[in-house]
Amino acid sequence: MTGDARRWWMGGTLIVTLALLAGPRVVRGQDLEPRAYSNAPVGLNFLVVGYANTDGNVAVDPTVPLTDAQITTNSGIVAYARTLDAWGRSAKFDVVAAATSLSGTAAYAGEPVERDISGLTDTRVRFTMNLFGAPAMTAREFAGYHQDLNLGASLQVAAPTGQYDATRLVNIGTHRWSFKGELGLSKALGAWTLELMPAVTLYTDNDDFLDGQTRSQEPVYSVQVHVVYGFRSGMWLALDGTWFTGGRTETDGVPSAVEFDNTRVGATFALPLDRRHSLKAYASTGTATRTGGDFTALGLAWQYRWGGGL
């Protein structure tokens, strides 16, 4: 195995990043996930166990325009991913499950509300495929691979498996499905990698919102930008940003005036411990918030990988 291949495995550039830990019901356009479209040998498996904390005006259900919110969440996550050969192109499958403890206060229609709950969040499953620049390769073939320009796409599905109480405004789960389609463009320039990821998230209706009302939501459009620097030791550091808009809601046919138009910035750092183990840490915060989602997030995760000739 060459030094470049060993450093790639030690760096752990594939697995679901800590952005997936950024709270139980944060708008998915707010995810910050660098290196999502990096190439990897076929047959690698990844397991992640992590913790994250968020604090601030977190829109626990993004369809609810809470005001004066001060909500704290503490989340634990377990994620699994595997690299695949999809018609000769590199691909991956990942699934994320998490549990969250949430507490806080807010105002809704001028009335104070509070909540203190714990439970499972909505489970997310995703398929990612590189369409250009990242062919499926064995570990031996991958040892001589150097990224230039990668173009990929992904589809993520969030299932309504989270804890939900139709008599309460604030919940961990959403009682609806969502579907996020994304394109990923990744360009390597020496030790630097520049990434651009436009996406759209579609939602089914929640037909049991506050004792039987129907809540629908328009699509949320988002763009992620990442600037990544890879160190020779296998460490890497990413500066992350995202902008998202849309998401206007309607309850029993009555439209809301609330629409997202927010930006967030953050950083992600990966530290290899050995060939199989690595740590990741991240932090993010809002920079411009029109409604909801004005919060800070911190997280740490341990990653283990095996298979694929490792």
C-alpha atoms as a PDB file:
ATOM      1  CA  MET A   1       0.000   0.000   0.000  1.00  0.00           C
ATOM      2  CA  THR A   2       1.417   3.433  -0.964  1.00  0.00           C
ATOM      3  CA  GLY A   3       1.813   6.295   1.477  1.00  0.00           C
ATOM      4  CA  ASP A   4      -0.957   8.262  -0.273  1.00  0.00           C
ATOM      5  CA  ALA A   5      -3.427   5.398   0.035  1.00  0.00           C
ATOM      6  CA  ARG A   6      -2.508   4.839   3.683  1.00  0.00           C
ATOM      7  CA  ARG A   7      -2.964   8.519   4.482  1.00  0.00           C
ATOM      8  CA  TRP A   8      -6.365   8.482   2.764  1.00  0.00           C
ATOM      9  CA  TRP A   9      -7.563   5.562   4.877  1.00  0.00           C
ATOM     10  CA  MET A  10      -6.158   7.122   8.029  1.00  0.00           C
ATOM     11  CA  GLY A  11      -7.826  10.431   7.202  1.00  0.00           C
ATOM     12  CA  GLY A  12     -11.265   8.880   6.927  1.00  0.00           C
ATOM     13  CA  THR A  13     -12.615  11.080   4.145  1.00  0.00           C
ATOM     14  CA  LEU A  14     -15.773   9.156   3.274  1.00  0.00           C
ATOM     15  CA  ILE A  15     -18.078   8.650   6.222  1.00  0.00           C
ATOM     16  CA  VAL A  16     -21.091  10.714   7.167  1.00  0.00           C
ATOM     17  CA  THR A  17     -19.629  13.869   8.683  1.00  0.00           C
ATOM     18  CA  LEU A  18     -20.448  15.405  12.023  1.00  0.00           C
ATOM     19  CA  ALA A  19     -22.901  17.729  10.385  1.00  0.00           C
ATOM     20  CA  LEU A  20     -25.376  14.902  10.716  1.00  0.00           C
ATOM     21  CA  LEU A  21     -25.134  15.442  14.468  1.00  0.00           C
ATOM     22  CA  ALA A  22     -26.210  19.056  14.364  1.00  0.00           C
ATOM     23  CA  GLY A  23     -29.465  18.616  16.251  1.00  0.00           C
ATOM     24  CA  PRO A  24     -32.573  16.479  15.930  1.00  0.00           C
ATOM     25  CA  ARG A  25     -34.719  18.522  13.589  1.00  0.00           C
ATOM     26  CA  VAL A  26     -32.522  21.190  12.070  1.00  0.00           C
ATOM     27  CA  VAL A  27     -33.481  22.051   8.503  1.00  0.00           C
ATOM     28  CA  ARG A  28     -31.553  19.648   6.297  1.00  0.00           C
ATOM     29  CA  GLY A  29     -30.334  22.534   4.132  1.00  0.00           C
ATOM     30  CA  GLN A  30     -28.204  23.496   7.126  1.00  0.00           C
ATOM     31  CA  ASP A  31     -26.076  20.344   7.006  1.00  0.00           C
ATOM     32  CA  LEU A  32     -22.377  21.031   6.506  1.00  0.00           C
ATOM     33  CA  GLU A  33     -20.705  17.966   5.048  1.00  0.00           C
ATOM     34  CA  PRO A  34     -17.264  18.294   3.433  1.00  0.00           C
ATOM     35  CA  ARG A  35     -15.701  15.517   1.324  1.00  0.00           C
ATOM     36  CA  ALA A  36     -19.031  13.792   0.683  1.00  0.00           C
ATOM     37  CA  TYR A  37     -17.985  13.040  -2.918  1.00  0.00           C
ATOM     38  CA  SER A  38     -14.415  11.847  -2.360  1.00  0.00           C
ATOM     39  CA  ASN A  39     -13.477   8.562  -3.983  1.00  0.00           C
ATOM     40  CA  ALA A  40     -12.690   5.373  -2.017  1.00  0.00           C
ATOM     41  CA  PRO A  41     -11.922   1.695  -2.681  1.00  0.00           C
ATOM     42  CA  VAL A  42     -14.942  -0.556  -3.095  1.00  0.00           C
ATOM     43  CA  GLY A  43     -15.942  -2.646  -0.086  1.00  0.00           C
ATOM     44  CA  LEU A  44     -14.898  -0.316   2.752  1.00  0.00           C
ATOM     45  CA  ASN A  45     -17.181  -0.220   5.797  1.00  0.00           C
ATOM     46  CA  PHE A  46     -17.440   2.676   8.250  1.00  0.00           C
ATOM     47  CA  LEU A  47     -18.953   2.871  11.723  1.00  0.00           C
ATOM     48  CA  VAL A  48     -19.365   6.205  13.521  1.00  0.00           C
ATOM     49  CA  VAL A  49     -20.380   6.859  17.121  1.00  0.00           C
ATOM     50  CA  GLY A  50     -20.633  10.479  18.175  1.00  0.00           C
ATOM     51  CA  TYR A  51     -22.080  13.234  20.323  1.00  0.00           C
ATOM     52  CA  ALA A  52     -23.257  16.765  19.510  1.00  0.00           C
ATOM     53  CA  ASN A  53     -24.661  19.739  21.350  1.00  0.00           C
ATOM     54  CA  THR A  54     -26.734  22.599  19.929  1.00  0.00           C
ATOM     55  CA  ASP A  55     -27.855  25.726  21.729  1.00  0.00           C
ATOM     56  CA  GLY A  56     -29.935  28.654  20.534  1.00  0.00           C
ATOM     57  CA  ASN A  57     -32.978  29.276  18.383  1.00  0.00           C
ATOM     58  CA  VAL A  58     -33.274  25.766  16.975  1.00  0.00           C
ATOM     59  CA  ALA A  59     -36.371  25.166  14.841  1.00  0.00           C
ATOM     60  CA  VAL A  60     -37.085  21.657  16.129  1.00  0.00           C
ATOM     61  CA  ASP A  61     -39.798  21.242  13.512  1.00  0.00           C
ATOM     62  CA  PRO A  62     -38.769  23.524  10.630  1.00  0.00           C
ATOM     63  CA  THR A  63     -42.446  24.061   9.702  1.00  0.00           C
ATOM     64  CA  VAL A  64     -43.102  25.834  13.025  1.00  0.00           C
ATOM     65  CA  PRO A  65     -42.183  29.583  13.252  1.00  0.00           C
ATOM     66  CA  LEU A  66     -41.198  29.723  16.924  1.00  0.00           C
ATOM     67  CA  THR A  67     -40.018  33.044  18.355  1.00  0.00           C
ATOM     68  CA  ASP A  68     -37.791  33.885  21.318  1.00  0.00           C
ATOM     69  CA  ALA A  69     -36.663  30.271  21.388  1.00  0.00           C
ATOM     70  CA  GLN A  70     -33.832  29.085  23.579  1.00  0.00           C
ATOM     71  CA  ILE A  71     -33.468  25.357  23.027  1.00  0.00           C
ATOM     72  CA  THR A  72     -30.641  23.016  23.980  1.00  0.00           C
ATOM     73  CA  THR A  73     -30.180  19.565  22.482  1.00  0.00           C
ATOM     74  CA  ASN A  74     -27.737  16.797  23.345  1.00  0.00           C
ATOM     75  CA  SER A  75     -27.578  14.094  20.693  1.00  0.00           C
ATOM     76  CA  GLY A  76     -25.947  10.709  20.313  1.00  0.00           C
ATOM     77  CA  ILE A  77     -25.539   9.119  16.882  1.00  0.00           C
ATOM     78  CA  VAL A  78     -24.709   5.776  15.313  1.00  0.00           C
ATOM     79  CA  ALA A  79     -23.989   5.717  11.572  1.00  0.00           C
ATOM     80  CA  TYR A  80     -22.904   3.044   9.093  1.00  0.00           C
ATOM     81  CA  ALA A  81     -21.638   3.444   5.519  1.00  0.00           C
ATOM     82  CA  ARG A  82     -20.285   1.127   2.834  1.00  0.00           C
ATOM     83  CA  THR A  83     -18.577   1.923  -0.478  1.00  0.00           C
ATOM     84  CA  LEU A  84     -20.000   0.272  -3.587  1.00  0.00           C
ATOM     85  CA  ASP A  85     -19.393  -0.359  -7.271  1.00  0.00           C
ATOM     86  CA  ALA A  86     -22.391   1.112  -9.153  1.00  0.00           C
ATOM     87  CA  TRP A  87     -22.107   0.371 -12.884  1.00  0.00           C
ATOM     88  CA  GLY A  88     -18.381   1.019 -12.777  1.00  0.00           C
ATOM     89  CA  ARG A  89     -18.634   4.230 -10.754  1.00  0.00           C
ATOM     90  CA  SER A  90     -17.765   4.679  -7.072  1.00  0.00           C
ATOM     91  CA  ALA A  91     -20.775   4.927  -4.781  1.00  0.00           C
ATOM     92  CA  LYS A  92     -21.735   4.603  -1.139  1.00  0.00           C
ATOM     93  CA  PHE A  93     -24.702   3.754   1.038  1.00  0.00           C
ATOM     94  CA  ASP A  94     -25.137   5.210   4.516  1.00  0.00           C
ATOM     95  CA  VAL A  95     -27.733   5.101   7.285  1.00  0.00           C
ATOM     96  CA  VAL A  96     -27.885   7.371  10.341  1.00  0.00           C
ATOM     97  CA  ALA A  97     -29.823   6.829  13.569  1.00  0.00           C
ATOM     98  CA  ALA A  98     -29.749   9.175  16.543  1.00  0.00           C
ATOM     99  CA  ALA A  99     -31.290   9.851  19.936  1.00  0.00           C
ATOM    100  CA  THR A 100     -31.747  13.336  21.374  1.00  0.00           C
ATOM    101  CA  SER A 101     -32.501  14.982  24.684  1.00  0.00           C
ATOM    102  CA  LEU A 102     -34.159  18.370  24.180  1.00  0.00           C
ATOM    103  CA  SER A 103     -35.130  21.116  26.609  1.00  0.00           C
ATOM    104  CA  GLY A 104     -36.063  24.753  26.185  1.00  0.00           C
ATOM    105  CA  THR A 105     -38.604  27.538  26.060  1.00  0.00           C
ATOM    106  CA  ALA A 106     -40.109  29.640  23.269  1.00  0.00           C
ATOM    107  CA  ALA A 107     -43.117  31.746  22.325  1.00  0.00           C
ATOM    108  CA  TYR A 108     -45.797  30.596  19.888  1.00  0.00           C
ATOM    109  CA  ALA A 109     -48.538  33.060  18.875  1.00  0.00           C
ATOM    110  CA  GLY A 110     -47.447  35.206  21.798  1.00  0.00           C
ATOM    111  CA  GLU A 111     -47.901  32.456  24.383  1.00  0.00           C
ATOM    112  CA  PRO A 112     -44.969  30.876  26.276  1.00  0.00           C
ATOM    113  CA  VAL A 113     -44.322  27.187  25.688  1.00  0.00           C
ATOM    114  CA  GLU A 114     -41.717  24.818  27.086  1.00  0.00           C
ATOM    115  CA  ARG A 115     -40.621  21.263  26.400  1.00  0.00           C
ATOM    116  CA  ASP A 116     -38.300  18.688  27.991  1.00  0.00           C
ATOM    117  CA  ILE A 117     -38.175  15.398  26.081  1.00  0.00           C
ATOM    118  CA  SER A 118     -35.866  12.586  24.989  1.00  0.00           C
ATOM    119  CA  GLY A 119     -36.230  10.051  22.199  1.00  0.00           C
ATOM    120  CA  LEU A 120     -35.208   8.799  18.778  1.00  0.00           C
ATOM    121  CA  THR A 121     -34.933  11.132  15.787  1.00  0.00           C
ATOM    122  CA  ASP A 122     -36.005  10.423  12.206  1.00  0.00           C
ATOM    123  CA  THR A 123     -33.757   7.825  10.548  1.00  0.00           C
ATOM    124  CA  ARG A 124     -31.943   8.889   7.381  1.00  0.00           C
ATOM    125  CA  VAL A 125     -30.752   6.688   4.525  1.00  0.00           C
ATOM    126  CA  ARG A 126     -28.729   7.918   1.565  1.00  0.00           C
ATOM    127  CA  PHE A 127     -27.248   6.661  -1.700  1.00  0.00           C
ATOM    128  CA  THR A 128     -24.372   8.637  -3.238  1.00  0.00           C
ATOM    129  CA  MET A 129     -22.810   8.002  -6.653  1.00  0.00           C
ATOM    130  CA  ASN A 130     -19.908   9.689  -8.431  1.00  0.00           C
ATOM    131  CA  LEU A 131     -20.870  10.203 -12.061  1.00  0.00           C
ATOM    132  CA  PHE A 132     -17.566  11.573 -13.347  1.00  0.00           C
ATOM    133  CA  GLY A 133     -13.929  11.456 -12.259  1.00  0.00           C
ATOM    134  CA  ALA A 134     -14.169   8.759  -9.591  1.00  0.00           C
ATOM    135  CA  PRO A 135     -14.378   5.221 -11.023  1.00  0.00           C
ATOM    136  CA  ALA A 136     -14.973   2.189  -8.829  1.00  0.00           C
ATOM    137  CA  MET A 137     -11.594   0.687  -7.882  1.00  0.00           C
ATOM    138  CA  THR A 138     -10.090  -2.042  -5.763  1.00  0.00           C
ATOM    139  CA  ALA A 139      -7.661  -1.123  -2.997  1.00  0.00           C
ATOM    140  CA  ARG A 140      -4.715  -1.981  -5.254  1.00  0.00           C
ATOM    141  CA  GLU A 141      -6.053   0.204  -8.079  1.00  0.00           C
ATOM    142  CA  PHE A 142      -6.901   3.031  -5.688  1.00  0.00           C
ATOM    143  CA  ALA A 143      -3.286   3.234  -4.468  1.00  0.00           C
ATOM    144  CA  GLY A 144      -2.360   5.095  -7.681  1.00  0.00           C
ATOM    145  CA  TYR A 145      -5.473   7.292  -7.852  1.00  0.00           C
ATOM    146  CA  HIS A 146      -5.223  11.099  -7.668  1.00  0.00           C
ATOM    147  CA  GLN A 147      -8.378  13.186  -7.687  1.00  0.00           C
ATOM    148  CA  ASP A 148      -8.896  15.896 -10.277  1.00  0.00           C
ATOM    149  CA  LEU A 149     -12.560  16.805 -10.859  1.00  0.00           C
ATOM    150  CA  ASN A 150     -15.385  14.722  -9.382  1.00  0.00           C
ATOM    151  CA  LEU A 151     -19.069  15.166 -10.177  1.00  0.00           C
ATOM    152  CA  GLY A 152     -21.605  13.193  -8.162  1.00  0.00           C
ATOM    153  CA  ALA A 153     -25.203  13.042  -7.001  1.00  0.00           C
ATOM    154  CA  SER A 154     -27.040  11.714  -3.975  1.00  0.00           C
ATOM    155  CA  LEU A 155     -30.555  11.006  -2.731  1.00  0.00           C
ATOM    156  CA  GLN A 156     -31.274  11.055   0.997  1.00  0.00           C
ATOM    157  CA  VAL A 157     -34.549   9.837   2.500  1.00  0.00           C
ATOM    158  CA  ALA A 158     -35.627  10.705   6.049  1.00  0.00           C
ATOM    159  CA  ALA A 159     -38.251   8.322   7.454  1.00  0.00           C
ATOM    160  CA  PRO A 160     -40.749   9.404  10.164  1.00  0.00           C
ATOM    161  CA  THR A 161     -39.338   7.120  12.865  1.00  0.00           C
ATOM    162  CA  GLY A 162     -38.700   9.823  15.470  1.00  0.00           C
ATOM    163  CA  GLN A 163     -40.662  10.405  18.659  1.00  0.00           C
ATOM    164  CA  TYR A 164     -43.823  12.403  17.924  1.00  0.00           C
ATOM    165  CA  ASP A 165     -46.771  13.650  20.004  1.00  0.00           C
ATOM    166  CA  ALA A 166     -49.546  15.272  17.964  1.00  0.00           C
ATOM    167  CA  THR A 167     -50.806  17.165  21.019  1.00  0.00           C
ATOM    168  CA  ARG A 168     -47.513  19.055  21.409  1.00  0.00           C
ATOM    169  CA  LEU A 169     -45.981  21.757  19.243  1.00  0.00           C
ATOM    170  CA  VAL A 170     -42.321  20.828  19.739  1.00  0.00           C
ATOM    171  CA  ASN A 171     -41.266  17.297  18.824  1.00  0.00           C
ATOM    172  CA  ILE A 172     -38.113  15.367  18.024  1.00  0.00           C
ATOM    173  CA  GLY A 173     -39.671  13.533  15.054  1.00  0.00           C
ATOM    174  CA  THR A 174     -41.597  15.135  12.178  1.00  0.00           C
ATOM    175  CA  HIS A 175     -44.345  12.593  11.325  1.00  0.00           C
ATOM    176  CA  ARG A 176     -43.585  12.929   7.603  1.00  0.00           C
ATOM    177  CA  TRP A 177     -41.110  11.829   4.949  1.00  0.00           C
ATOM    178  CA  SER A 178     -38.498  14.043   3.297  1.00  0.00           C
ATOM    179  CA  PHE A 179     -36.380  13.528   0.175  1.00  0.00           C
ATOM    180  CA  LYS A 180     -33.169  15.464  -0.453  1.00  0.00           C
ATOM    181  CA  GLY A 181     -31.571  15.391  -3.898  1.00  0.00           C
ATOM    182  CA  GLU A 182     -28.084  16.853  -4.243  1.00  0.00           C
ATOM    183  CA  LEU A 183     -25.340  17.401  -6.821  1.00  0.00           C
ATOM    184  CA  GLY A 184     -21.704  17.463  -5.727  1.00  0.00           C
ATOM    185  CA  LEU A 185     -18.781  19.094  -7.537  1.00  0.00           C
ATOM    186  CA  SER A 186     -15.299  18.503  -6.062  1.00  0.00           C
ATOM    187  CA  LYS A 187     -12.073  19.903  -7.575  1.00  0.00           C
ATOM    188  CA  ALA A 188      -8.615  19.046  -6.207  1.00  0.00           C
ATOM    189  CA  LEU A 189      -5.852  21.645  -6.447  1.00  0.00           C
ATOM    190  CA  GLY A 190      -2.768  20.128  -4.861  1.00  0.00           C
ATOM    191  CA  ALA A 191      -3.376  19.844  -1.129  1.00  0.00           C
ATOM    192  CA  TRP A 192      -6.575  21.908  -1.467  1.00  0.00           C
ATOM    193  CA  THR A 193     -10.037  20.715  -2.486  1.00  0.00           C
ATOM    194  CA  LEU A 194     -12.896  23.040  -3.467  1.00  0.00           C
ATOM    195  CA  GLU A 195     -16.461  21.750  -3.233  1.00  0.00           C
ATOM    196  CA  LEU A 196     -19.901  22.996  -4.301  1.00  0.00           C
ATOM    197  CA  MET A 197     -23.139  21.133  -3.458  1.00  0.00           C
ATOM    198  CA  PRO A 198     -26.549  22.491  -4.555  1.00  0.00           C
ATOM    199  CA  ALA A 199     -29.579  20.571  -3.243  1.00  0.00           C
ATOM    200  CA  VAL A 200     -33.359  20.566  -2.913  1.00  0.00           C
ATOM    201  CA  THR A 201     -35.408  18.910  -0.148  1.00  0.00           C
ATOM    202  CA  LEU A 202     -39.032  17.851  -0.710  1.00  0.00           C
ATOM    203  CA  TYR A 203     -41.514  17.015   2.054  1.00  0.00           C
ATOM    204  CA  THR A 204     -44.678  14.971   2.349  1.00  0.00           C
ATOM    205  CA  ASP A 205     -47.546  16.382   4.433  1.00  0.00           C
ATOM    206  CA  ASN A 206     -47.812  15.958   8.188  1.00  0.00           C
ATOM    207  CA  ASP A 207     -51.481  14.925   8.485  1.00  0.00           C
ATOM    208  CA  ASP A 208     -51.505  14.931  12.302  1.00  0.00           C
ATOM    209  CA  PHE A 209     -50.098  18.331  13.168  1.00  0.00           C
ATOM    210  CA  LEU A 210     -51.457  19.651  16.487  1.00  0.00           C
ATOM    211  CA  ASP A 211     -54.428  17.299  16.890  1.00  0.00           C
ATOM    212  CA  GLY A 212     -55.246  16.460  13.306  1.00  0.00           C
ATOM    213  CA  GLN A 213     -54.394  19.508  11.239  1.00  0.00           C
ATOM    214  CA  THR A 214     -52.509  19.041   7.962  1.00  0.00           C
ATOM    215  CA  ARG A 215     -49.204  20.880   7.641  1.00  0.00           C
ATOM    216  CA  SER A 216     -47.483  21.033   4.244  1.00  0.00           C
ATOM    217  CA  GLN A 217     -44.177  22.643   3.286  1.00  0.00           C
ATOM    218  CA  GLU A 218     -42.697  23.941   0.071  1.00  0.00           C
ATOM    219  CA  PRO A 219     -39.234  22.700  -0.972  1.00  0.00           C
ATOM    220  CA  VAL A 220     -36.085  23.990   0.742  1.00  0.00           C
ATOM    221  CA  TYR A 221     -33.255  24.922  -1.626  1.00  0.00           C
ATOM    222  CA  SER A 222     -29.673  24.943  -0.374  1.00  0.00           C
ATOM    223  CA  VAL A 223     -26.034  25.309  -1.453  1.00  0.00           C
ATOM    224  CA  GLN A 224     -22.981  24.098   0.458  1.00  0.00           C
ATOM    225  CA  VAL A 225     -19.442  25.411  -0.151  1.00  0.00           C
ATOM    226  CA  HIS A 226     -16.312  23.810   1.351  1.00  0.00           C
ATOM    227  CA  VAL A 227     -12.608  24.634   1.206  1.00  0.00           C
ATOM    228  CA  VAL A 228     -10.586  21.621   2.380  1.00  0.00           C
ATOM    229  CA  TYR A 229      -6.865  21.372   3.128  1.00  0.00           C
ATOM    230  CA  GLY A 230      -5.261  17.934   3.430  1.00  0.00           C
ATOM    231  CA  PHE A 231      -2.097  17.549   5.525  1.00  0.00           C
ATOM    232  CA  ARG A 232       0.597  14.998   4.689  1.00  0.00           C
ATOM    233  CA  SER A 233      -0.039  13.216   7.982  1.00  0.00           C
ATOM    234  CA  GLY A 234      -3.605  12.376   6.895  1.00  0.00           C
ATOM    235  CA  MET A 235      -5.270  15.134   8.903  1.00  0.00           C
ATOM    236  CA  TRP A 236      -7.598  17.490   7.062  1.00  0.00           C
ATOM    237  CA  LEU A 237      -9.351  20.743   7.887  1.00  0.00           C
ATOM    238  CA  ALA A 238     -12.414  22.139   6.119  1.00  0.00           C
ATOM    239  CA  LEU A 239     -14.002  25.577   6.239  1.00  0.00           C
ATOM    240  CA  ASP A 240     -17.712  25.133   5.558  1.00  0.00           C
ATOM    241  CA  GLY A 241     -20.619  27.344   4.548  1.00  0.00           C
ATOM    242  CA  THR A 242     -24.233  26.858   3.523  1.00  0.00           C
ATOM    243  CA  TRP A 243     -27.145  29.012   2.372  1.00  0.00           C
ATOM    244  CA  PHE A 244     -30.727  27.818   2.252  1.00  0.00           C
ATOM    245  CA  THR A 245     -34.064  29.353   1.314  1.00  0.00           C
ATOM    246  CA  GLY A 246     -37.707  28.419   0.749  1.00  0.00           C
ATOM    247  CA  GLY A 247     -39.731  26.140   2.999  1.00  0.00           C
ATOM    248  CA  ARG A 248     -42.897  28.231   3.267  1.00  0.00           C
ATOM    249  CA  THR A 249     -45.584  26.261   5.119  1.00  0.00           C
ATOM    250  CA  GLU A 250     -49.353  25.851   4.948  1.00  0.00           C
ATOM    251  CA  THR A 251     -51.675  24.600   7.706  1.00  0.00           C
ATOM    252  CA  ASP A 252     -55.131  23.362   6.673  1.00  0.00           C
ATOM    253  CA  GLY A 253     -54.919  25.502   3.549  1.00  0.00           C
ATOM    254  CA  VAL A 254     -53.794  28.670   5.349  1.00  0.00           C
ATOM    255  CA  PRO A 255     -50.324  29.774   4.122  1.00  0.00           C
ATOM    256  CA  SER A 256     -47.660  31.096   6.467  1.00  0.00           C
ATOM    257  CA  ALA A 257     -45.645  34.250   5.870  1.00  0.00           C
ATOM    258  CA  VAL A 258     -42.541  32.486   7.200  1.00  0.00           C
ATOM    259  CA  GLU A 259     -39.815  31.452   4.743  1.00  0.00           C
ATOM    260  CA  PHE A 260     -36.197  30.479   5.320  1.00  0.00           C
ATOM    261  CA  ASP A 261     -33.363  32.647   4.003  1.00  0.00           C
ATOM    262  CA  ASN A 262     -30.410  31.756   6.222  1.00  0.00           C
ATOM    263  CA  THR A 263     -26.666  31.170   6.094  1.00  0.00           C
ATOM    264  CA  ARG A 264     -24.321  29.191   8.351  1.00  0.00           C
ATOM    265  CA  VAL A 265     -20.550  28.787   8.559  1.00  0.00           C
ATOM    266  CA  GLY A 266     -18.411  26.216  10.312  1.00  0.00           C
ATOM    267  CA  ALA A 267     -15.273  24.116  10.361  1.00  0.00           C
ATOM    268  CA  THR A 268     -14.592  20.360  10.380  1.00  0.00           C
ATOM    269  CA  PHE A 269     -11.318  18.738  11.501  1.00  0.00           C
ATOM    270  CA  ALA A 270     -10.355  15.063  11.033  1.00  0.00           C
ATOM    271  CA  LEU A 271      -7.525  13.466  13.008  1.00  0.00           C
ATOM    272  CA  PRO A 272      -6.302   9.935  12.134  1.00  0.00           C
ATOM    273  CA  LEU A 273      -5.315   7.760  15.094  1.00  0.00           C
ATOM    274  CA  ASP A 274      -4.206   4.752  13.061  1.00  0.00           C
ATOM    275  CA  ARG A 275      -5.239   2.959   9.878  1.00  0.00           C
ATOM    276  CA  ARG A 276      -8.670   1.995  11.232  1.00  0.00           C
ATOM    277  CA  HIS A 277      -9.528   4.669  13.789  1.00  0.00           C
ATOM    278  CA  SER A 278      -9.984   8.427  13.523  1.00  0.00           C
ATOM    279  CA  LEU A 279     -11.656  11.323  15.306  1.00  0.00           C
ATOM    280  CA  LYS A 280     -13.664  14.201  13.854  1.00  0.00           C
ATOM    281  CA  ALA A 281     -14.686  17.474  15.456  1.00  0.00           C
ATOM    282  CA  TYR A 282     -16.803  20.293  14.116  1.00  0.00           C
ATOM    283  CA  ALA A 283     -18.365  23.609  15.056  1.00  0.00           C
ATOM    284  CA  SER A 284     -20.870  25.812  13.230  1.00  0.00           C
ATOM    285  CA  THR A 285     -22.949  28.918  13.796  1.00  0.00           C
ATOM    286  CA  GLY A 286     -25.466  31.067  11.976  1.00  0.00           C
ATOM    287  CA  THR A 287     -24.346  34.280  10.281  1.00  0.00           C
ATOM    288  CA  ALA A 288     -27.646  35.580   8.838  1.00  0.00           C
ATOM    289  CA  THR A 289     -30.975  34.180  10.015  1.00  0.00           C
ATOM    290  CA  ARG A 290     -34.395  35.196   8.747  1.00  0.00           C
ATOM    291  CA  THR A 291     -36.331  32.641  10.807  1.00  0.00           C
ATOM    292  CA  GLY A 292     -35.379  29.667  12.998  1.00  0.00           C
ATOM    293  CA  GLY A 293     -32.063  27.886  13.064  1.00  0.00           C
ATOM    294  CA  ASP A 294     -30.010  30.643  14.732  1.00  0.00           C
ATOM    295  CA  PHE A 295     -27.904  28.347  16.892  1.00  0.00           C
ATOM    296  CA  THR A 296     -24.393  27.133  17.600  1.00  0.00           C
ATOM    297  CA  ALA A 297     -23.408  23.484  17.236  1.00  0.00           C
ATOM    298  CA  LEU A 298     -20.430  21.489  18.507  1.00  0.00           C
ATOM    299  CA  GLY A 299     -19.690  17.815  17.997  1.00  0.00           C
ATOM    300  CA  LEU A 300     -17.142  15.020  18.271  1.00  0.00           C
ATOM    301  CA  ALA A 301     -17.189  11.523  16.758  1.00  0.00           C
ATOM    302  CA  TRP A 302     -15.069   8.386  16.654  1.00  0.00           C
ATOM    303  CA  GLN A 303     -14.858   6.485  13.368  1.00  0.00           C
ATOM    304  CA  TYR A 304     -13.833   2.865  12.727  1.00  0.00           C
ATOM    305  CA  ARG A 305     -13.355   1.342   9.253  1.00  0.00           C
ATOM    306  CA  TRP A 306     -12.710  -2.140   7.924  1.00  0.00           C
ATOM    307  CA  GLY A 307     -12.884  -4.236   4.747  1.00  0.00           C
ATOM    308  CA  GLY A 308     -12.084  -3.194   1.200  1.00  0.00           C
ATOM    309  CA  GLY A 309      -8.513  -4.470   1.384  1.00  0.00           C
ATOM    310  CA  LEU A 310      -7.684  -2.280   4.367  1.00  0.00           C
END
